[in-house]
Amino acid sequence: MARRIRAAHEWLVAERDDAVVGYAYGGFHRARKAYQWTAEVSAYVDRSAHRTGLGRLLYTELFDRLRRRGFRLLVAGITLPNEASVRMHEALGFEPVGVYKNIGWKAGQWWDVGWWQLDLGAPEGEPPPEPGRLGQRRFAS
């Protein structure tokens, strides 16, 4: 986990009673320079905080921070099936763009991963300046 935090563009943490109940982060999508304006985003919310709006809060803050830093496109991979995550991403404006079949191994089996993207509305023409570096923020809930 520490390695993921160090490699992220942004990493946000939500705490309740000194315990982590959620986090969201934006990291590199691909290593090539051409993709530097795209961030892959992910969020986790503990079961005790499901359906409280915490995931939306974390993602909204994360997206605002990434937009301000010059990112133009966000992508999210969702292990399928996961109706709740799909609904949340689509409610935030993500659009489905494809599915990798049997690409992820976890819990003793192969899983499909669907991909969604959100255009942050960068201007056309010349590329924006290179995105900024790591930022972190803690949330209390």
C-alpha atoms as a PDB file:
ATOM      1  CA  MET A   1       0.000   0.000   0.000  1.00  0.00           C
ATOM      2  CA  ALA A   2       2.830   2.416   0.830  1.00  0.00           C
ATOM      3  CA  ARG A   3       4.266   1.885  -2.656  1.00  0.00           C
ATOM      4  CA  ARG A   4       0.877   2.755  -4.222  1.00  0.00           C
ATOM      5  CA  ILE A   5       0.633   5.905  -2.119  1.00  0.00           C
ATOM      6  CA  ARG A   6       4.125   7.061  -3.132  1.00  0.00           C
ATOM      7  CA  ALA A   7       3.365   6.444  -6.825  1.00  0.00           C
ATOM      8  CA  ALA A   8      -0.021   8.213  -6.832  1.00  0.00           C
ATOM      9  CA  HIS A   9      -0.769  11.668  -8.238  1.00  0.00           C
ATOM     10  CA  GLU A  10      -3.259  12.232  -5.406  1.00  0.00           C
ATOM     11  CA  TRP A  11      -4.295  10.101  -2.427  1.00  0.00           C
ATOM     12  CA  LEU A  12      -7.195  11.003  -0.113  1.00  0.00           C
ATOM     13  CA  VAL A  13      -8.090   9.216   3.129  1.00  0.00           C
ATOM     14  CA  ALA A  14     -11.307   9.320   5.190  1.00  0.00           C
ATOM     15  CA  GLU A  15     -11.131   8.473   8.882  1.00  0.00           C
ATOM     16  CA  ARG A  16     -13.740   7.882  11.578  1.00  0.00           C
ATOM     17  CA  ASP A  17     -12.691   7.400  15.218  1.00  0.00           C
ATOM     18  CA  ASP A  18      -9.020   7.116  14.180  1.00  0.00           C
ATOM     19  CA  ALA A  19      -9.797   4.284  11.724  1.00  0.00           C
ATOM     20  CA  VAL A  20      -9.609   4.466   7.940  1.00  0.00           C
ATOM     21  CA  VAL A  21     -13.107   4.061   6.476  1.00  0.00           C
ATOM     22  CA  GLY A  22     -12.278   4.991   2.894  1.00  0.00           C
ATOM     23  CA  TYR A  23      -9.741   6.244   0.428  1.00  0.00           C
ATOM     24  CA  ALA A  24      -9.527   7.373  -3.171  1.00  0.00           C
ATOM     25  CA  TYR A  25      -6.548   7.934  -5.387  1.00  0.00           C
ATOM     26  CA  GLY A  26      -5.486   8.868  -8.870  1.00  0.00           C
ATOM     27  CA  GLY A  27      -2.415   7.228 -10.303  1.00  0.00           C
ATOM     28  CA  PHE A  28      -0.644   6.650 -13.583  1.00  0.00           C
ATOM     29  CA  HIS A  29      -2.665   5.011 -16.330  1.00  0.00           C
ATOM     30  CA  ARG A  30       0.257   4.178 -18.612  1.00  0.00           C
ATOM     31  CA  ALA A  31       3.967   4.921 -18.343  1.00  0.00           C
ATOM     32  CA  ARG A  32       4.409   6.542 -21.769  1.00  0.00           C
ATOM     33  CA  LYS A  33       4.613  10.348 -21.807  1.00  0.00           C
ATOM     34  CA  ALA A  34       1.683  10.612 -24.275  1.00  0.00           C
ATOM     35  CA  TYR A  35      -0.664   9.426 -21.498  1.00  0.00           C
ATOM     36  CA  GLN A  36       0.521  11.832 -18.797  1.00  0.00           C
ATOM     37  CA  TRP A  37      -2.773  13.786 -18.834  1.00  0.00           C
ATOM     38  CA  THR A  38      -4.780  10.637 -17.979  1.00  0.00           C
ATOM     39  CA  ALA A  39      -5.137   9.349 -14.424  1.00  0.00           C
ATOM     40  CA  GLU A  40      -6.485   5.968 -13.354  1.00  0.00           C
ATOM     41  CA  VAL A  41      -8.743   6.445 -10.335  1.00  0.00           C
ATOM     42  CA  SER A  42      -9.940   4.063  -7.670  1.00  0.00           C
ATOM     43  CA  ALA A  43     -11.877   4.273  -4.420  1.00  0.00           C
ATOM     44  CA  TYR A  44     -12.505   2.014  -1.448  1.00  0.00           C
ATOM     45  CA  VAL A  45     -15.195   2.515   1.191  1.00  0.00           C
ATOM     46  CA  ASP A  46     -15.464   0.234   4.216  1.00  0.00           C
ATOM     47  CA  ARG A  47     -18.785  -1.623   4.533  1.00  0.00           C
ATOM     48  CA  SER A  48     -19.558   0.404   7.675  1.00  0.00           C
ATOM     49  CA  ALA A  49     -19.630   3.554   5.508  1.00  0.00           C
ATOM     50  CA  HIS A  50     -21.504   2.198   2.467  1.00  0.00           C
ATOM     51  CA  ARG A  51     -24.435   4.314   1.246  1.00  0.00           C
ATOM     52  CA  THR A  52     -23.317   7.363   3.259  1.00  0.00           C
ATOM     53  CA  GLY A  53     -22.049   9.437   0.321  1.00  0.00           C
ATOM     54  CA  LEU A  54     -18.432   8.969   1.371  1.00  0.00           C
ATOM     55  CA  GLY A  55     -17.355   7.455  -1.955  1.00  0.00           C
ATOM     56  CA  ARG A  56     -18.899  10.365  -3.840  1.00  0.00           C
ATOM     57  CA  LEU A  57     -17.261  12.880  -1.463  1.00  0.00           C
ATOM     58  CA  LEU A  58     -13.822  11.329  -1.881  1.00  0.00           C
ATOM     59  CA  TYR A  59     -14.160  11.038  -5.658  1.00  0.00           C
ATOM     60  CA  THR A  60     -15.513  14.587  -6.079  1.00  0.00           C
ATOM     61  CA  GLU A  61     -12.576  16.066  -4.172  1.00  0.00           C
ATOM     62  CA  LEU A  62     -10.118  13.809  -6.006  1.00  0.00           C
ATOM     63  CA  PHE A  63     -11.500  14.773  -9.431  1.00  0.00           C
ATOM     64  CA  ASP A  64     -11.373  18.495  -8.581  1.00  0.00           C
ATOM     65  CA  ARG A  65      -7.756  18.186  -7.487  1.00  0.00           C
ATOM     66  CA  LEU A  66      -6.752  16.233 -10.589  1.00  0.00           C
ATOM     67  CA  ARG A  67      -8.566  18.719 -12.867  1.00  0.00           C
ATOM     68  CA  ARG A  68      -6.789  21.676 -11.227  1.00  0.00           C
ATOM     69  CA  ARG A  69      -3.455  19.939 -11.758  1.00  0.00           C
ATOM     70  CA  GLY A  70      -4.004  19.569 -15.510  1.00  0.00           C
ATOM     71  CA  PHE A  71      -5.379  16.058 -15.966  1.00  0.00           C
ATOM     72  CA  ARG A  72      -7.907  15.811 -18.819  1.00  0.00           C
ATOM     73  CA  LEU A  73      -9.198  12.240 -18.657  1.00  0.00           C
ATOM     74  CA  LEU A  74      -9.904   9.830 -15.797  1.00  0.00           C
ATOM     75  CA  VAL A  75     -10.253   6.076 -16.232  1.00  0.00           C
ATOM     76  CA  ALA A  76     -11.577   3.505 -13.781  1.00  0.00           C
ATOM     77  CA  GLY A  77     -11.357  -0.294 -13.914  1.00  0.00           C
ATOM     78  CA  ILE A  78     -14.157  -2.155 -12.120  1.00  0.00           C
ATOM     79  CA  THR A  79     -14.045  -5.883 -11.408  1.00  0.00           C
ATOM     80  CA  LEU A  80     -17.324  -7.286 -12.725  1.00  0.00           C
ATOM     81  CA  PRO A  81     -19.962  -7.823 -11.615  1.00  0.00           C
ATOM     82  CA  ASN A  82     -20.150  -4.837  -9.264  1.00  0.00           C
ATOM     83  CA  GLU A  83     -23.436  -3.037  -9.790  1.00  0.00           C
ATOM     84  CA  ALA A  84     -22.933  -0.557  -6.937  1.00  0.00           C
ATOM     85  CA  SER A  85     -19.562   0.634  -8.263  1.00  0.00           C
ATOM     86  CA  VAL A  86     -20.860   0.836 -11.830  1.00  0.00           C
ATOM     87  CA  ARG A  87     -23.851   2.931 -10.652  1.00  0.00           C
ATOM     88  CA  MET A  88     -21.619   5.291  -8.658  1.00  0.00           C
ATOM     89  CA  HIS A  89     -19.162   5.837 -11.513  1.00  0.00           C
ATOM     90  CA  GLU A  90     -21.935   6.423 -14.038  1.00  0.00           C
ATOM     91  CA  ALA A  91     -23.742   8.802 -11.646  1.00  0.00           C
ATOM     92  CA  LEU A  92     -20.501  10.829 -11.541  1.00  0.00           C
ATOM     93  CA  GLY A  93     -20.413  11.034 -15.344  1.00  0.00           C
ATOM     94  CA  PHE A  94     -18.209   8.091 -16.312  1.00  0.00           C
ATOM     95  CA  GLU A  95     -19.046   6.314 -19.572  1.00  0.00           C
ATOM     96  CA  PRO A  96     -18.333   2.626 -20.265  1.00  0.00           C
ATOM     97  CA  VAL A  97     -15.629   2.042 -22.879  1.00  0.00           C
ATOM     98  CA  GLY A  98     -14.950  -1.700 -22.802  1.00  0.00           C
ATOM     99  CA  VAL A  99     -14.340  -4.918 -20.913  1.00  0.00           C
ATOM    100  CA  TYR A 100     -11.185  -6.981 -20.514  1.00  0.00           C
ATOM    101  CA  LYS A 101     -12.325 -10.608 -20.254  1.00  0.00           C
ATOM    102  CA  ASN A 102     -10.813 -12.867 -17.584  1.00  0.00           C
ATOM    103  CA  ILE A 103      -7.925 -10.462 -16.945  1.00  0.00           C
ATOM    104  CA  GLY A 104      -7.793 -10.335 -13.144  1.00  0.00           C
ATOM    105  CA  TRP A 105      -7.126 -13.213 -10.759  1.00  0.00           C
ATOM    106  CA  LYS A 106      -8.422 -12.833  -7.222  1.00  0.00           C
ATOM    107  CA  ALA A 107     -10.316 -14.909  -4.677  1.00  0.00           C
ATOM    108  CA  GLY A 108      -9.396 -18.086  -6.537  1.00  0.00           C
ATOM    109  CA  GLN A 109     -10.855 -17.238  -9.928  1.00  0.00           C
ATOM    110  CA  TRP A 110     -10.512 -15.113 -13.067  1.00  0.00           C
ATOM    111  CA  TRP A 111     -12.592 -11.931 -13.321  1.00  0.00           C
ATOM    112  CA  ASP A 112     -13.599  -9.532 -16.083  1.00  0.00           C
ATOM    113  CA  VAL A 113     -12.687  -5.873 -15.602  1.00  0.00           C
ATOM    114  CA  GLY A 114     -14.871  -3.191 -17.156  1.00  0.00           C
ATOM    115  CA  TRP A 115     -13.389   0.181 -18.030  1.00  0.00           C
ATOM    116  CA  TRP A 116     -15.079   3.554 -17.698  1.00  0.00           C
ATOM    117  CA  GLN A 117     -13.776   7.028 -18.496  1.00  0.00           C
ATOM    118  CA  LEU A 118     -14.614  10.607 -17.540  1.00  0.00           C
ATOM    119  CA  ASP A 119     -13.555  13.542 -19.696  1.00  0.00           C
ATOM    120  CA  LEU A 120     -12.615  16.494 -17.497  1.00  0.00           C
ATOM    121  CA  GLY A 121     -13.069  18.904 -20.398  1.00  0.00           C
ATOM    122  CA  ALA A 122      -9.547  20.026 -21.203  1.00  0.00           C
ATOM    123  CA  PRO A 123      -9.244  22.591 -23.993  1.00  0.00           C
ATOM    124  CA  GLU A 124      -8.531  21.400 -27.521  1.00  0.00           C
ATOM    125  CA  GLY A 125      -5.380  22.275 -29.441  1.00  0.00           C
ATOM    126  CA  GLU A 126      -2.025  22.487 -27.752  1.00  0.00           C
ATOM    127  CA  PRO A 127      -1.609  20.191 -24.741  1.00  0.00           C
ATOM    128  CA  PRO A 128      -1.813  21.743 -21.285  1.00  0.00           C
ATOM    129  CA  PRO A 129       1.297  22.003 -19.127  1.00  0.00           C
ATOM    130  CA  GLU A 130       2.486  18.736 -17.614  1.00  0.00           C
ATOM    131  CA  PRO A 131       0.384  17.747 -14.592  1.00  0.00           C
ATOM    132  CA  GLY A 132       1.743  18.564 -11.123  1.00  0.00           C
ATOM    133  CA  ARG A 133       3.093  16.142  -8.528  1.00  0.00           C
ATOM    134  CA  LEU A 134       1.748  14.269  -5.514  1.00  0.00           C
ATOM    135  CA  GLY A 135      -0.725  15.776  -3.081  1.00  0.00           C
ATOM    136  CA  GLN A 136      -2.450  14.113  -0.116  1.00  0.00           C
ATOM    137  CA  ARG A 137      -5.326  15.083   2.154  1.00  0.00           C
ATOM    138  CA  ARG A 138      -7.087  13.441   5.070  1.00  0.00           C
ATOM    139  CA  PHE A 139     -10.841  13.592   5.613  1.00  0.00           C
ATOM    140  CA  ALA A 140     -12.671  12.996   8.861  1.00  0.00           C
ATOM    141  CA  SER A 141     -16.185  11.587   8.704  1.00  0.00           C
END
